[in-house]
Protein backbone atom coordinates (compact mmCIF):
# COMPACT_ATOMS: atom_id res chain seq x y z
CA MET A 1 206.08 46.04 168.03
CA GLU A 2 207.03 42.86 169.91
CA SER A 3 210.76 43.49 169.51
CA ILE A 4 210.35 46.93 171.05
CA ARG A 5 208.28 45.52 173.89
CA LYS A 6 211.12 43.15 174.80
CA ASN A 7 213.89 45.77 174.50
CA ASN A 8 214.72 46.67 178.10
CA ASN A 9 217.24 49.33 177.06
CA LEU A 10 214.60 51.76 175.77
CA LYS A 11 213.36 54.67 177.89
CA GLU A 12 209.76 54.71 179.00
CA LEU A 13 207.09 57.41 178.84
CA HIS A 14 204.30 56.80 181.34
CA LEU A 15 200.77 57.77 180.30
CA ASP A 16 197.31 57.42 181.82
CA LYS A 17 194.40 55.63 180.12
CA GLU A 18 192.92 58.93 178.98
CA ALA A 19 196.05 59.92 177.07
CA LEU A 20 196.23 56.45 175.52
CA ALA A 21 192.60 56.66 174.40
CA THR A 22 193.19 60.09 172.84
CA LEU A 23 196.20 58.78 170.93
CA SER A 24 194.09 55.80 169.83
CA LEU A 25 191.36 58.07 168.43
CA ALA A 26 193.90 59.89 166.30
CA LYS A 27 195.69 56.72 165.22
CA GLU A 28 192.45 55.18 163.99
CA GLY A 29 191.53 58.32 162.03
CA ILE A 30 188.68 59.45 164.30
CA LEU A 31 190.23 62.92 164.71
CA LYS A 32 191.16 63.50 161.05
CA PRO A 33 192.80 65.59 159.71
CA ILE A 34 194.97 64.84 162.78
CA GLU A 35 197.23 61.88 162.02
CA LYS A 36 200.25 62.48 164.24
CA LEU A 37 201.55 64.43 167.20
CA MET A 38 202.41 67.98 166.18
CA ASP A 39 205.83 69.57 166.47
CA GLU A 40 206.28 73.04 167.95
CA LYS A 41 205.86 74.92 164.66
CA GLU A 42 202.70 73.01 163.68
CA ALA A 43 201.20 73.38 167.15
CA GLU A 44 201.78 77.13 167.25
CA ASN A 45 200.29 77.57 163.78
CA VAL A 46 197.14 75.67 164.76
CA ARG A 47 196.84 77.66 167.98
CA LYS A 48 196.98 80.95 166.07
CA THR A 49 194.91 80.04 162.99
CA ARG A 50 192.65 77.24 164.30
CA GLN A 51 193.29 75.54 160.97
CA TYR A 52 195.10 72.31 160.06
CA LYS A 53 195.37 70.92 156.53
CA ASN A 54 192.73 73.43 155.39
CA GLN A 55 190.20 72.28 157.99
CA PHE A 56 189.02 73.90 161.19
CA LEU A 57 190.79 72.52 164.25
CA PRO A 58 190.16 74.16 167.63
CA PHE A 59 193.56 73.44 169.22
CA PRO A 60 196.85 71.62 168.58
CA PHE A 61 197.18 67.88 169.02
CA ILE A 62 200.11 67.32 171.36
CA LEU A 63 201.32 64.87 174.01
CA ALA A 64 202.77 66.45 177.16
CA PRO A 65 202.45 63.99 180.06
CA ALA A 66 203.01 65.20 183.61
CA GLY A 67 205.33 63.71 186.21
CA LYS A 68 208.96 64.13 187.27
CA ARG A 69 209.99 60.86 185.63
CA ASN A 70 208.44 61.85 182.29
CA LYS A 71 210.00 65.31 182.50
CA GLU A 72 213.50 63.88 182.90
CA VAL A 73 212.99 61.40 180.08
CA LEU A 74 211.72 64.06 177.67
CA LYS A 75 214.47 66.55 178.53
CA ASN A 76 217.08 63.96 177.62
CA THR A 77 215.43 62.43 174.54
CA LYS A 78 217.11 62.83 171.15
CA LYS A 79 215.68 62.93 167.62
CA ASN A 80 214.77 59.48 166.23
CA GLU A 81 215.03 57.93 169.69
CA ILE A 82 212.32 55.35 170.38
CA LEU A 83 210.39 55.58 173.65
CA LYS A 84 208.10 52.92 175.04
CA LEU A 85 204.58 54.09 175.87
CA MET A 86 203.52 52.58 179.19
CA VAL A 87 200.12 52.61 180.92
CA ASN A 88 199.90 51.21 184.45
CA LYS A 89 203.36 49.67 183.89
CA GLN A 90 202.13 47.80 180.81
CA PHE A 91 203.63 48.28 177.36
CA MET A 92 201.01 49.77 175.02
CA GLY A 93 203.09 51.06 172.11
CA TYR A 94 205.98 53.29 171.18
CA ILE A 95 206.87 56.64 169.65
CA LYS A 96 209.77 57.52 167.36
CA THR A 97 210.82 60.98 168.47
CA LYS A 98 210.85 63.83 165.99
CA SER A 99 211.27 66.62 168.54
CA VAL A 100 210.75 67.61 172.17
CA TYR A 101 209.75 71.15 173.09
CA LYS A 102 208.55 73.19 176.04
CA ILE A 103 204.91 74.24 176.10
CA ASP A 104 203.00 77.17 177.59
CA LYS A 105 200.51 75.51 179.93
CA GLN A 106 198.28 78.56 180.18
CA LYS A 107 197.91 78.88 176.39
CA ARG A 108 197.23 75.15 176.11
CA ILE A 109 194.52 75.23 178.76
CA LYS A 110 192.84 78.33 177.28
CA ALA A 111 192.83 76.76 173.82
CA ILE A 112 190.91 73.74 175.17
CA PHE A 113 188.57 75.36 177.69
CA GLY A 114 188.44 79.00 176.64
CA THR A 115 189.56 79.97 180.14
CA TYR A 116 192.39 79.53 182.63
CA ASP A 117 190.07 79.84 185.62
CA LYS A 118 191.49 77.38 188.15
CA THR A 119 188.05 76.84 189.71
CA HIS A 120 186.88 75.29 186.43
CA PRO A 121 186.84 71.48 187.00
CA GLY A 122 188.20 70.73 183.52
CA VAL A 123 191.05 73.21 183.97
CA VAL A 124 191.92 71.69 187.36
CA ASP A 125 191.96 68.13 186.02
CA THR A 126 193.98 68.99 182.91
CA LEU A 127 196.56 70.98 184.85
CA LYS A 128 197.25 67.90 186.97
CA ARG A 129 198.01 65.76 183.93
CA LEU A 130 199.75 68.34 181.75
CA GLY A 131 203.54 68.40 181.78
CA GLU A 132 206.06 71.05 180.72
CA TYR A 133 207.40 69.25 177.64
CA ALA A 134 205.63 67.88 174.55
CA ILE A 135 206.92 65.20 172.22
CA SER A 136 206.20 64.91 168.50
CA GLY A 137 206.67 62.03 166.10
CA GLN A 138 205.06 58.95 164.61
CA TYR A 139 203.71 56.42 167.09
CA GLU A 140 202.20 52.94 167.19
CA ILE A 141 199.78 51.77 169.85
CA GLU A 142 197.27 49.03 170.48
CA CYS A 143 193.75 50.42 169.95
CA ASN A 144 191.51 47.39 169.42
CA ASP A 145 188.45 48.95 171.07
CA ILE A 146 188.22 51.73 168.49
CA LYS A 147 188.87 49.31 165.63
CA LYS A 148 185.97 47.23 166.94
CA ALA A 149 183.68 50.29 167.16
CA LYS A 150 184.49 51.29 163.57
CA GLN A 151 183.81 47.76 162.38
CA THR A 152 180.50 47.62 164.26
CA ILE A 153 179.27 50.77 162.51
CA SER A 154 180.52 49.60 159.11
CA ASP A 155 178.80 46.21 159.48
CA ALA A 156 175.52 47.82 160.60
CA LYS A 157 175.52 50.16 157.58
CA LYS A 158 176.15 47.30 155.17
CA ALA A 159 173.47 45.10 156.76
CA ILE A 160 170.68 47.54 155.88
CA ASP A 161 172.41 49.41 153.04
CA ALA A 162 172.17 52.65 155.05
CA LYS A 163 172.50 55.82 153.00
CA LYS A 164 171.99 58.16 155.96
CA THR A 165 173.69 57.38 159.27
CA THR A 166 173.05 59.73 162.18
CA ALA A 167 175.03 60.07 165.41
CA ILE A 168 173.89 61.11 168.85
CA MET A 169 176.51 61.56 171.56
CA MET A 170 174.97 60.94 174.96
CA ALA A 171 175.88 60.28 178.57
CA ALA A 172 172.43 58.89 179.52
CA LYS A 173 173.12 59.81 183.13
CA PRO A 174 170.40 58.71 183.63
CA LEU A 175 168.43 57.74 180.51
CA HIS A 176 165.16 59.68 180.75
CA ARG A 177 162.02 60.31 178.70
CA ALA A 178 163.46 63.29 176.84
CA HIS A 179 166.36 61.12 175.67
CA GLU A 180 163.83 58.58 174.43
CA ARG A 181 161.90 61.24 172.50
CA LEU A 182 165.09 62.58 170.92
CA ILE A 183 166.10 59.07 169.84
CA ARG A 184 162.69 58.32 168.32
CA ILE A 185 162.46 61.60 166.42
CA THR A 186 165.96 61.13 165.05
CA LEU A 187 165.18 57.58 164.00
CA GLU A 188 162.25 58.82 161.90
CA ASN A 189 164.67 60.73 159.65
CA THR A 190 167.60 58.36 159.24
CA ASP A 191 168.40 54.85 158.06
CA LEU A 192 170.78 53.99 160.88
CA LEU A 193 171.16 55.63 164.28
CA VAL A 194 174.47 55.37 166.14
CA LEU A 195 174.21 56.10 169.86
CA PHE A 196 177.70 56.99 171.06
CA LEU A 197 177.62 56.31 174.80
CA LEU A 198 180.20 58.47 176.53
CA LYS A 199 182.81 56.55 178.49
CA PRO A 200 184.52 58.86 180.98
CA TYR A 201 187.68 58.15 182.95
CA LYS A 202 186.46 59.29 186.35
CA GLN A 203 184.62 57.11 188.81
CA ASP A 204 180.94 57.97 188.77
CA VAL A 205 177.78 57.01 190.61
CA LEU A 206 176.40 55.65 187.36
CA SER A 207 179.17 53.62 185.79
CA TYR A 208 179.44 53.12 182.05
CA GLU A 209 178.26 49.52 182.52
CA ILE A 210 175.05 50.58 184.31
CA ARG A 211 174.29 53.27 181.72
CA TYR A 212 174.95 50.81 178.90
CA LYS A 213 172.57 48.32 180.51
CA THR A 214 169.69 50.84 180.61
CA LEU A 215 170.29 52.06 177.06
CA ARG A 216 170.59 48.47 175.81
CA TYR A 217 167.26 47.62 177.48
CA PHE A 218 165.51 50.56 175.80
CA VAL A 219 166.97 49.82 172.36
CA ASP A 220 166.21 46.09 172.52
CA ASN A 221 162.65 46.43 173.78
CA PHE A 222 161.27 49.64 172.33
CA LEU A 223 163.03 50.38 169.02
CA PRO A 224 163.17 48.73 165.56
CA LYS A 225 165.74 45.98 165.22
CA ASN A 226 168.92 46.51 163.15
CA ARG A 227 168.49 50.29 162.91
CA VAL A 228 170.05 51.38 166.20
CA ILE A 229 173.49 50.48 167.53
CA ILE A 230 175.28 51.50 170.72
CA VAL A 231 178.97 52.32 170.46
CA PRO A 232 181.26 53.21 173.39
CA PHE A 233 182.91 56.60 172.92
CA GLU A 234 186.12 57.48 174.73
CA ASN A 235 185.16 60.84 176.21
CA THR A 236 188.70 62.07 176.90
CA TYR A 237 189.89 65.46 178.13
CA ILE A 238 189.98 67.01 174.65
CA PHE A 239 186.17 66.77 174.53
CA ALA A 240 185.73 68.54 177.86
CA GLY A 241 186.10 72.11 176.66
CA TYR A 242 183.96 74.61 174.83
CA ASN A 243 184.91 73.04 171.48
CA ASN A 244 183.09 69.87 172.48
CA ALA A 245 180.37 70.03 169.82
CA ILE A 246 182.89 70.64 167.05
CA LEU A 247 185.05 67.68 168.10
CA ASP A 248 181.96 65.49 168.44
CA SER A 249 181.08 66.38 164.85
CA ILE A 250 184.59 65.58 163.62
CA ALA A 251 184.57 62.22 165.43
CA ALA A 252 181.08 61.27 164.18
CA LYS A 253 182.04 62.04 160.59
CA ASN A 254 185.22 59.97 160.83
CA PHE A 255 183.30 57.06 162.34
CA GLY A 256 181.28 57.04 159.11
CA CYS A 257 178.21 59.10 160.03
CA THR A 258 176.62 61.51 157.55
CA ASP A 259 174.68 63.47 160.19
CA ILE A 260 174.88 64.36 163.86
CA VAL A 261 172.09 65.51 166.18
CA LEU A 262 173.00 67.93 168.96
CA GLY A 263 170.65 69.06 171.69
CA GLN A 264 170.11 72.79 172.10
CA ASN A 265 171.92 72.64 175.45
CA HIS A 266 174.90 70.69 174.11
CA SER A 267 178.12 72.33 175.25
CA GLY A 268 179.90 74.24 172.52
CA ILE A 269 176.87 75.19 170.42
CA GLY A 270 176.52 78.68 171.82
CA ILE A 271 178.06 81.86 170.54
CA PHE A 272 181.82 82.30 170.85
CA TYR A 273 184.38 84.79 169.57
CA ASP A 274 187.13 83.94 167.13
CA HIS A 275 189.35 86.55 165.47
CA ASP A 276 187.05 89.30 166.80
CA ARG A 277 184.03 87.86 164.99
CA ILE A 278 180.92 86.27 166.50
CA ASN A 279 180.62 82.60 165.54
CA THR A 280 178.49 79.56 166.28
CA ILE A 281 179.27 75.92 165.65
CA LEU A 282 177.46 76.17 162.31
CA ASP A 283 180.20 78.53 161.09
CA THR A 284 182.92 75.96 161.67
CA VAL A 285 181.47 72.51 160.93
CA LYS A 286 180.88 73.35 157.25
CA ASP A 287 184.50 72.28 156.65
CA ILE A 288 183.92 68.96 158.42
CA ASN A 289 181.47 67.62 155.81
CA ILE A 290 178.74 66.43 158.17
CA ASN A 291 175.15 67.64 158.52
CA VAL A 292 174.54 69.13 161.96
CA ASN A 293 170.96 69.17 163.27
CA ILE A 294 170.18 71.22 166.39
CA VAL A 295 167.17 69.94 168.34
CA ASN A 296 165.24 72.11 170.78
CA GLU A 297 164.83 71.16 174.42
CA PHE A 298 162.03 68.75 175.35
CA VAL A 299 159.87 69.29 178.45
CA TYR A 300 156.68 67.79 179.84
CA CYS A 301 153.86 70.32 179.72
CA ASN A 302 151.11 69.84 182.30
CA GLN A 303 148.67 71.60 179.95
CA CYS A 304 149.56 69.68 176.78
CA LYS A 305 149.79 66.49 178.90
CA THR A 306 152.75 65.19 176.91
CA LEU A 307 156.39 65.78 176.01
CA VAL A 308 156.77 68.86 173.84
CA SER A 309 159.47 70.98 172.29
CA THR A 310 159.97 74.33 173.97
CA LYS A 311 159.78 75.83 170.48
CA THR A 312 156.27 74.51 169.77
CA CYS A 313 154.57 74.60 173.19
CA PRO A 314 152.39 77.73 173.65
CA HIS A 315 152.38 77.49 177.46
CA GLY A 316 154.83 79.23 179.76
CA LYS A 317 157.73 77.75 181.70
CA HIS A 318 155.55 77.54 184.81
CA HIS A 319 153.70 74.68 183.08
CA HIS A 320 156.86 72.79 182.15
CA ILE A 321 158.57 69.89 183.88
CA SER A 322 162.24 69.91 182.96
CA TYR A 323 164.33 66.81 182.28
CA HIS A 324 167.31 68.01 184.27
CA SER A 325 169.62 65.00 184.46
CA PRO A 326 171.57 65.99 187.62
CA SER A 327 168.29 66.49 189.53
CA ILE A 328 166.85 63.17 188.36
CA LEU A 329 170.12 61.52 189.38
CA GLU A 330 169.83 63.08 192.84
CA ILE A 331 166.42 61.44 193.25
CA LEU A 332 167.90 58.07 192.29
CA LYS A 333 170.93 58.51 194.55
CA SER A 334 168.50 59.10 197.42
CA GLY A 335 167.00 55.70 196.72
CA LEU A 336 163.70 57.10 195.46
CA LEU A 337 161.80 56.09 192.35
CA PRO A 338 161.54 59.01 189.91
CA PRO A 339 158.02 59.58 188.57
CA ALA A 340 157.36 57.61 185.38
CA VAL A 341 156.85 60.88 183.53
CA LEU A 342 160.58 61.50 184.06
CA VAL A 343 162.08 58.02 183.73
CA ARG A 344 160.57 54.84 182.32
CA LYS A 345 159.76 52.53 185.24
CA GLU A 346 161.87 49.65 183.87
CA ILE A 347 164.88 51.97 183.59
CA SER A 348 164.40 53.23 187.15
CA ALA A 349 164.16 49.63 188.35
CA ILE A 350 167.44 48.69 186.67
CA LEU A 351 169.21 51.74 188.10
CA LEU A 352 167.99 51.35 191.68
CA SER A 353 168.66 47.61 191.76
CA GLU A 354 172.24 48.36 190.65
CA LEU A 355 172.77 51.35 192.94
CA PHE A 356 171.33 49.65 196.05
CA LYS A 357 172.24 45.99 195.78
CA ASN A 358 170.75 43.70 198.47
CA ARG A 359 168.90 46.67 199.90
CA PHE A 360 166.04 44.70 201.44
CA GLU A 361 166.48 42.26 204.28
CA ASP A 362 163.97 39.75 202.87
CA LEU A 363 162.85 40.78 199.41
CA SER A 364 160.65 37.73 198.76
CA LYS A 365 158.74 38.22 201.99
CA LEU A 366 158.28 41.94 201.33
CA TYR A 367 157.15 41.26 197.75
CA ASP A 368 154.62 38.59 198.78
CA ALA A 369 153.25 40.75 201.60
CA ILE A 370 152.21 43.77 199.54
CA MET A 371 152.10 42.76 195.86
CA PRO A 372 149.29 40.92 194.05
CA SER A 373 150.19 37.32 193.24
CA SER A 374 149.10 34.61 190.81
CA GLY A 375 149.21 32.11 193.67
CA LEU A 376 152.13 30.27 192.13
CA LEU A 377 155.62 30.19 193.55
CA GLU A 378 157.60 32.90 191.79
CA GLU A 379 161.15 34.22 191.93
CA HIS A 380 161.50 38.00 192.01
CA ASP A 381 164.56 40.20 191.94
CA GLU A 382 164.91 43.79 193.11
CA SER A 383 164.24 45.14 189.63
CA ASP A 384 160.83 43.38 189.60
CA PHE A 385 160.04 44.83 192.99
CA TYR A 386 160.70 48.43 191.91
CA ILE A 387 158.54 48.01 188.80
CA LYS A 388 155.60 46.69 190.84
CA LEU A 389 156.11 49.38 193.46
CA LEU A 390 155.87 52.11 190.85
CA GLU A 391 152.68 50.53 189.53
CA LEU A 392 151.23 50.91 193.03
CA TYR A 393 152.28 54.57 193.04
CA GLN A 394 150.34 55.03 189.80
CA THR A 395 147.10 53.46 191.17
CA THR A 396 144.51 56.26 191.03
CA SER A 397 141.27 54.98 192.59
CA LEU A 398 142.29 56.07 196.09
CA THR A 399 144.09 59.30 195.11
């Protein structure tokens, strides 16, 4: 690889981080049976049959980067020619060309998202980064992050001799009480639980680092040691479509999991049509060799006075408080503390102290003025303040 890096006579193909991560997943075997970039014949066969090496595969695995520079390079690339793979002007690997061919953008988009509706955010984003030409061939890239994730799971399994390893893919945006209930219930029925924390490539209000911090806090303080691990998961564009649940299952299996838990509202679980026949995910994952468990939605019922499954609660929706992540996030973005029934107070404190850094002009003075004190000099950060403030909200003698 080093000799190719130093060869200034080779052409360059410029990719974004998302394309690199997708190539890394395949290279490390996370997308098996995919092992290489498909040529035109293979890609067309997969598109028509949704099969590859006798296993269900929702769409072809191709590389077709956008950009005028990439277009000119691909148009003039010959068989067996080596191209450098560059990300942000840095050498990340190379590909030995087998073939270059023109693609049908509309068919590609529909295969991923099930639609070509240009108001669909995933369609819009993918169109921007999808070029006219695809390249096939064997490639080599640096993918240390995925190697590390695989090793983390392998080590955790060996440490406790886990026979059953269950995956949950989650964004935790934000981590709320229903997430906690799902994690606990899953943990009751598995030896090892792998929480794949989705790592998107767009800037977000809640960064991956903030979401990891909250999930890490919950795992470290409220769950059994050595039975839960958090693994970053590169949530690239191929997981954005209606085949999301199927691809999650493929990835979890190839990471070494025997089971995967999907929430009832997980994208891709619902009914879809394939070859004029009604299907669900359960019709396709049987070839993937992983046990798929569908969990019903959790709500807080003001009659049951606890979190319940919508399948077991006898009371109507008008008694249910929903754990709707975008709405809870709106509360946090407004600078408000969500009720503890929605989000654990310590989690809310972490999130608000990260979202609104140095919010208070004199935090120590404010804290001392309204909070009970031991009389000793104490240092308090913003996270402490939010926790104590929520405890005041929950005081009932005057309400």
